[in-house]
Amino acid sequence: MRKPDDGRIDNIIADVFRLTGTRITADDPIVAVLLMQEQSFKSAFSEFADHQAKMRTAFLEQMAAHEGN
């Protein structure tokens, strides 16, 4: 029975081998670390994108107010 993360794990294993030539397996502790790192990056990028969207909206509002003067 495959777990939902198996595709991600397979991709991580393939990436590690492609980049380093080192073979790891799904039960290797580094896989857990890399999964946590991947999740951390996704969270950080999501927060950054949200912040950028808010800043863009604020900028556009300022530009609209300036154009009205």
N, C-alpha and C. Protein backbone atom coordinates (compact mmCIF):
# COMPACT_ATOMS: atom_id res chain seq x y z
N MET A 1 0.84 -1.19 0.00
CA MET A 1 0.00 0.00 0.00
C MET A 1 0.88 1.25 0.00
N ARG A 2 0.66 2.11 -0.95
CA ARG A 2 1.46 3.34 -1.07
C ARG A 2 0.84 4.45 -0.22
N LYS A 3 1.70 5.26 0.36
CA LYS A 3 1.26 6.41 1.14
C LYS A 3 1.14 7.62 0.22
N PRO A 4 0.39 8.64 0.64
CA PRO A 4 0.24 9.84 -0.20
C PRO A 4 1.57 10.53 -0.53
N ASP A 5 2.56 10.45 0.36
CA ASP A 5 3.84 11.12 0.14
C ASP A 5 4.82 10.30 -0.69
N ASP A 6 4.43 9.09 -1.11
CA ASP A 6 5.36 8.24 -1.84
C ASP A 6 5.89 8.90 -3.11
N GLY A 7 5.06 9.63 -3.82
CA GLY A 7 5.52 10.32 -5.02
C GLY A 7 6.55 11.38 -4.70
N ARG A 8 6.31 12.11 -3.64
CA ARG A 8 7.27 13.13 -3.20
C ARG A 8 8.57 12.48 -2.76
N ILE A 9 8.45 11.38 -2.04
CA ILE A 9 9.64 10.66 -1.57
C ILE A 9 10.44 10.14 -2.76
N ASP A 10 9.75 9.56 -3.72
CA ASP A 10 10.44 9.07 -4.92
C ASP A 10 11.17 10.21 -5.63
N ASN A 11 10.53 11.37 -5.72
CA ASN A 11 11.17 12.52 -6.36
C ASN A 11 12.40 12.98 -5.58
N ILE A 12 12.30 12.99 -4.27
CA ILE A 12 13.45 13.39 -3.43
C ILE A 12 14.60 12.41 -3.62
N ILE A 13 14.30 11.13 -3.60
CA ILE A 13 15.33 10.11 -3.79
C ILE A 13 16.01 10.29 -5.15
N ALA A 14 15.21 10.50 -6.18
CA ALA A 14 15.76 10.70 -7.52
C ALA A 14 16.60 11.97 -7.60
N ASP A 15 16.12 13.06 -6.97
CA ASP A 15 16.87 14.31 -6.99
C ASP A 15 18.21 14.18 -6.26
N VAL A 16 18.19 13.52 -5.11
CA VAL A 16 19.44 13.33 -4.35
C VAL A 16 20.44 12.54 -5.21
N PHE A 17 19.97 11.49 -5.85
CA PHE A 17 20.88 10.70 -6.68
C PHE A 17 21.37 11.51 -7.88
N ARG A 18 20.48 12.22 -8.52
CA ARG A 18 20.85 13.01 -9.70
C ARG A 18 21.87 14.09 -9.35
N LEU A 19 21.69 14.73 -8.20
CA LEU A 19 22.58 15.83 -7.82
C LEU A 19 23.89 15.38 -7.16
N THR A 20 23.84 14.24 -6.45
CA THR A 20 25.01 13.84 -5.67
C THR A 20 25.60 12.49 -6.05
N GLY A 21 24.81 11.68 -6.75
CA GLY A 21 25.28 10.32 -7.04
C GLY A 21 25.14 9.38 -5.85
N THR A 22 24.55 9.86 -4.77
CA THR A 22 24.35 9.06 -3.56
C THR A 22 22.98 8.41 -3.59
N ARG A 23 22.96 7.12 -3.37
CA ARG A 23 21.68 6.40 -3.34
C ARG A 23 21.15 6.38 -1.90
N ILE A 24 19.90 6.81 -1.76
CA ILE A 24 19.22 6.73 -0.47
C ILE A 24 17.93 5.95 -0.68
N THR A 25 17.34 5.50 0.43
CA THR A 25 16.08 4.76 0.36
C THR A 25 15.02 5.53 1.13
N ALA A 26 13.78 5.11 0.96
CA ALA A 26 12.65 5.79 1.60
C ALA A 26 12.75 5.79 3.12
N ASP A 27 13.45 4.80 3.70
CA ASP A 27 13.56 4.74 5.16
C ASP A 27 14.81 5.45 5.69
N ASP A 28 15.54 6.11 4.80
CA ASP A 28 16.72 6.87 5.22
C ASP A 28 16.25 8.11 5.99
N PRO A 29 16.84 8.40 7.15
CA PRO A 29 16.42 9.57 7.93
C PRO A 29 16.53 10.90 7.18
N ILE A 30 17.43 10.99 6.22
CA ILE A 30 17.57 12.25 5.48
C ILE A 30 16.32 12.55 4.68
N VAL A 31 15.56 11.54 4.31
CA VAL A 31 14.31 11.76 3.56
C VAL A 31 13.34 12.58 4.42
N ALA A 32 13.24 12.24 5.70
CA ALA A 32 12.35 12.99 6.60
C ALA A 32 12.81 14.44 6.71
N VAL A 33 14.11 14.65 6.81
CA VAL A 33 14.65 16.01 6.90
C VAL A 33 14.34 16.78 5.62
N LEU A 34 14.53 16.14 4.47
CA LEU A 34 14.27 16.82 3.20
C LEU A 34 12.78 17.11 3.01
N LEU A 35 11.90 16.22 3.47
CA LEU A 35 10.46 16.48 3.41
C LEU A 35 10.10 17.68 4.28
N MET A 36 10.70 17.75 5.48
CA MET A 36 10.44 18.89 6.37
C MET A 36 10.96 20.18 5.76
N GLN A 37 12.13 20.11 5.14
CA GLN A 37 12.71 21.29 4.49
C GLN A 37 11.83 21.75 3.34
N GLU A 38 11.35 20.80 2.55
CA GLU A 38 10.47 21.13 1.43
C GLU A 38 9.21 21.84 1.93
N GLN A 39 8.62 21.32 2.99
CA GLN A 39 7.41 21.92 3.55
C GLN A 39 7.71 23.32 4.09
N SER A 40 8.86 23.48 4.72
CA SER A 40 9.24 24.78 5.25
C SER A 40 9.40 25.80 4.13
N PHE A 41 10.04 25.41 3.03
CA PHE A 41 10.19 26.30 1.88
C PHE A 41 8.84 26.66 1.28
N LYS A 42 7.97 25.69 1.15
CA LYS A 42 6.64 25.96 0.59
C LYS A 42 5.89 26.95 1.46
N SER A 43 5.98 26.78 2.76
CA SER A 43 5.31 27.68 3.69
C SER A 43 5.89 29.10 3.58
N ALA A 44 7.21 29.19 3.54
CA ALA A 44 7.85 30.50 3.45
C ALA A 44 7.50 31.20 2.14
N PHE A 45 7.51 30.46 1.04
CA PHE A 45 7.17 31.06 -0.25
C PHE A 45 5.70 31.48 -0.29
N SER A 46 4.84 30.72 0.35
CA SER A 46 3.43 31.07 0.40
C SER A 46 3.23 32.36 1.19
N GLU A 47 3.90 32.46 2.33
CA GLU A 47 3.82 33.68 3.13
C GLU A 47 4.37 34.87 2.35
N PHE A 48 5.46 34.67 1.63
CA PHE A 48 6.05 35.74 0.83
C PHE A 48 5.08 36.18 -0.26
N ALA A 49 4.44 35.22 -0.93
CA ALA A 49 3.49 35.55 -2.00
C ALA A 49 2.30 36.33 -1.43
N ASP A 50 1.81 35.93 -0.26
CA ASP A 50 0.71 36.66 0.38
C ASP A 50 1.14 38.09 0.70
N HIS A 51 2.34 38.24 1.23
CA HIS A 51 2.85 39.58 1.56
C HIS A 51 2.98 40.43 0.30
N GLN A 52 3.51 39.85 -0.76
CA GLN A 52 3.67 40.57 -2.01
C GLN A 52 2.31 41.02 -2.56
N ALA A 53 1.31 40.17 -2.46
CA ALA A 53 -0.03 40.52 -2.94
C ALA A 53 -0.59 41.69 -2.15
N LYS A 54 -0.39 41.67 -0.83
CA LYS A 54 -0.87 42.78 0.01
C LYS A 54 -0.13 44.07 -0.33
N MET A 55 1.17 43.97 -0.53
CA MET A 55 1.96 45.16 -0.87
C MET A 55 1.55 45.70 -2.23
N ARG A 56 1.26 44.85 -3.17
CA ARG A 56 0.83 45.27 -4.50
C ARG A 56 -0.50 46.01 -4.41
N THR A 57 -1.43 45.45 -3.62
CA THR A 57 -2.73 46.09 -3.45
C THR A 57 -2.57 47.47 -2.83
N ALA A 58 -1.74 47.57 -1.80
CA ALA A 58 -1.51 48.86 -1.15
C ALA A 58 -0.89 49.85 -2.12
N PHE A 59 0.06 49.39 -2.93
CA PHE A 59 0.69 50.26 -3.92
C PHE A 59 -0.32 50.76 -4.94
N LEU A 60 -1.16 49.85 -5.43
CA LEU A 60 -2.15 50.25 -6.42
C LEU A 60 -3.16 51.25 -5.83
N GLU A 61 -3.51 51.06 -4.57
CA GLU A 61 -4.40 52.01 -3.91
C GLU A 61 -3.75 53.38 -3.78
N GLN A 62 -2.46 53.39 -3.44
CA GLN A 62 -1.74 54.67 -3.36
C GLN A 62 -1.65 55.34 -4.73
N MET A 63 -1.40 54.57 -5.75
CA MET A 63 -1.32 55.13 -7.10
C MET A 63 -2.68 55.70 -7.53
N ALA A 64 -3.75 54.99 -7.22
CA ALA A 64 -5.09 55.46 -7.57
C ALA A 64 -5.40 56.76 -6.83
N ALA A 65 -5.02 56.85 -5.56
CA ALA A 65 -5.26 58.07 -4.80
C ALA A 65 -4.43 59.20 -5.35
N HIS A 66 -3.21 58.93 -5.74
CA HIS A 66 -2.34 59.96 -6.32
C HIS A 66 -2.88 60.46 -7.66
N GLU A 67 -3.39 59.56 -8.46
CA GLU A 67 -3.96 59.94 -9.75
C GLU A 67 -5.21 60.81 -9.59
N GLY A 68 -5.91 60.62 -8.48
CA GLY A 68 -7.10 61.40 -8.22
C GLY A 68 -6.81 62.84 -7.83
N ASN A 69 -5.60 63.13 -7.44
CA ASN A 69 -5.23 64.50 -7.01
C ASN A 69 -4.89 65.37 -8.17
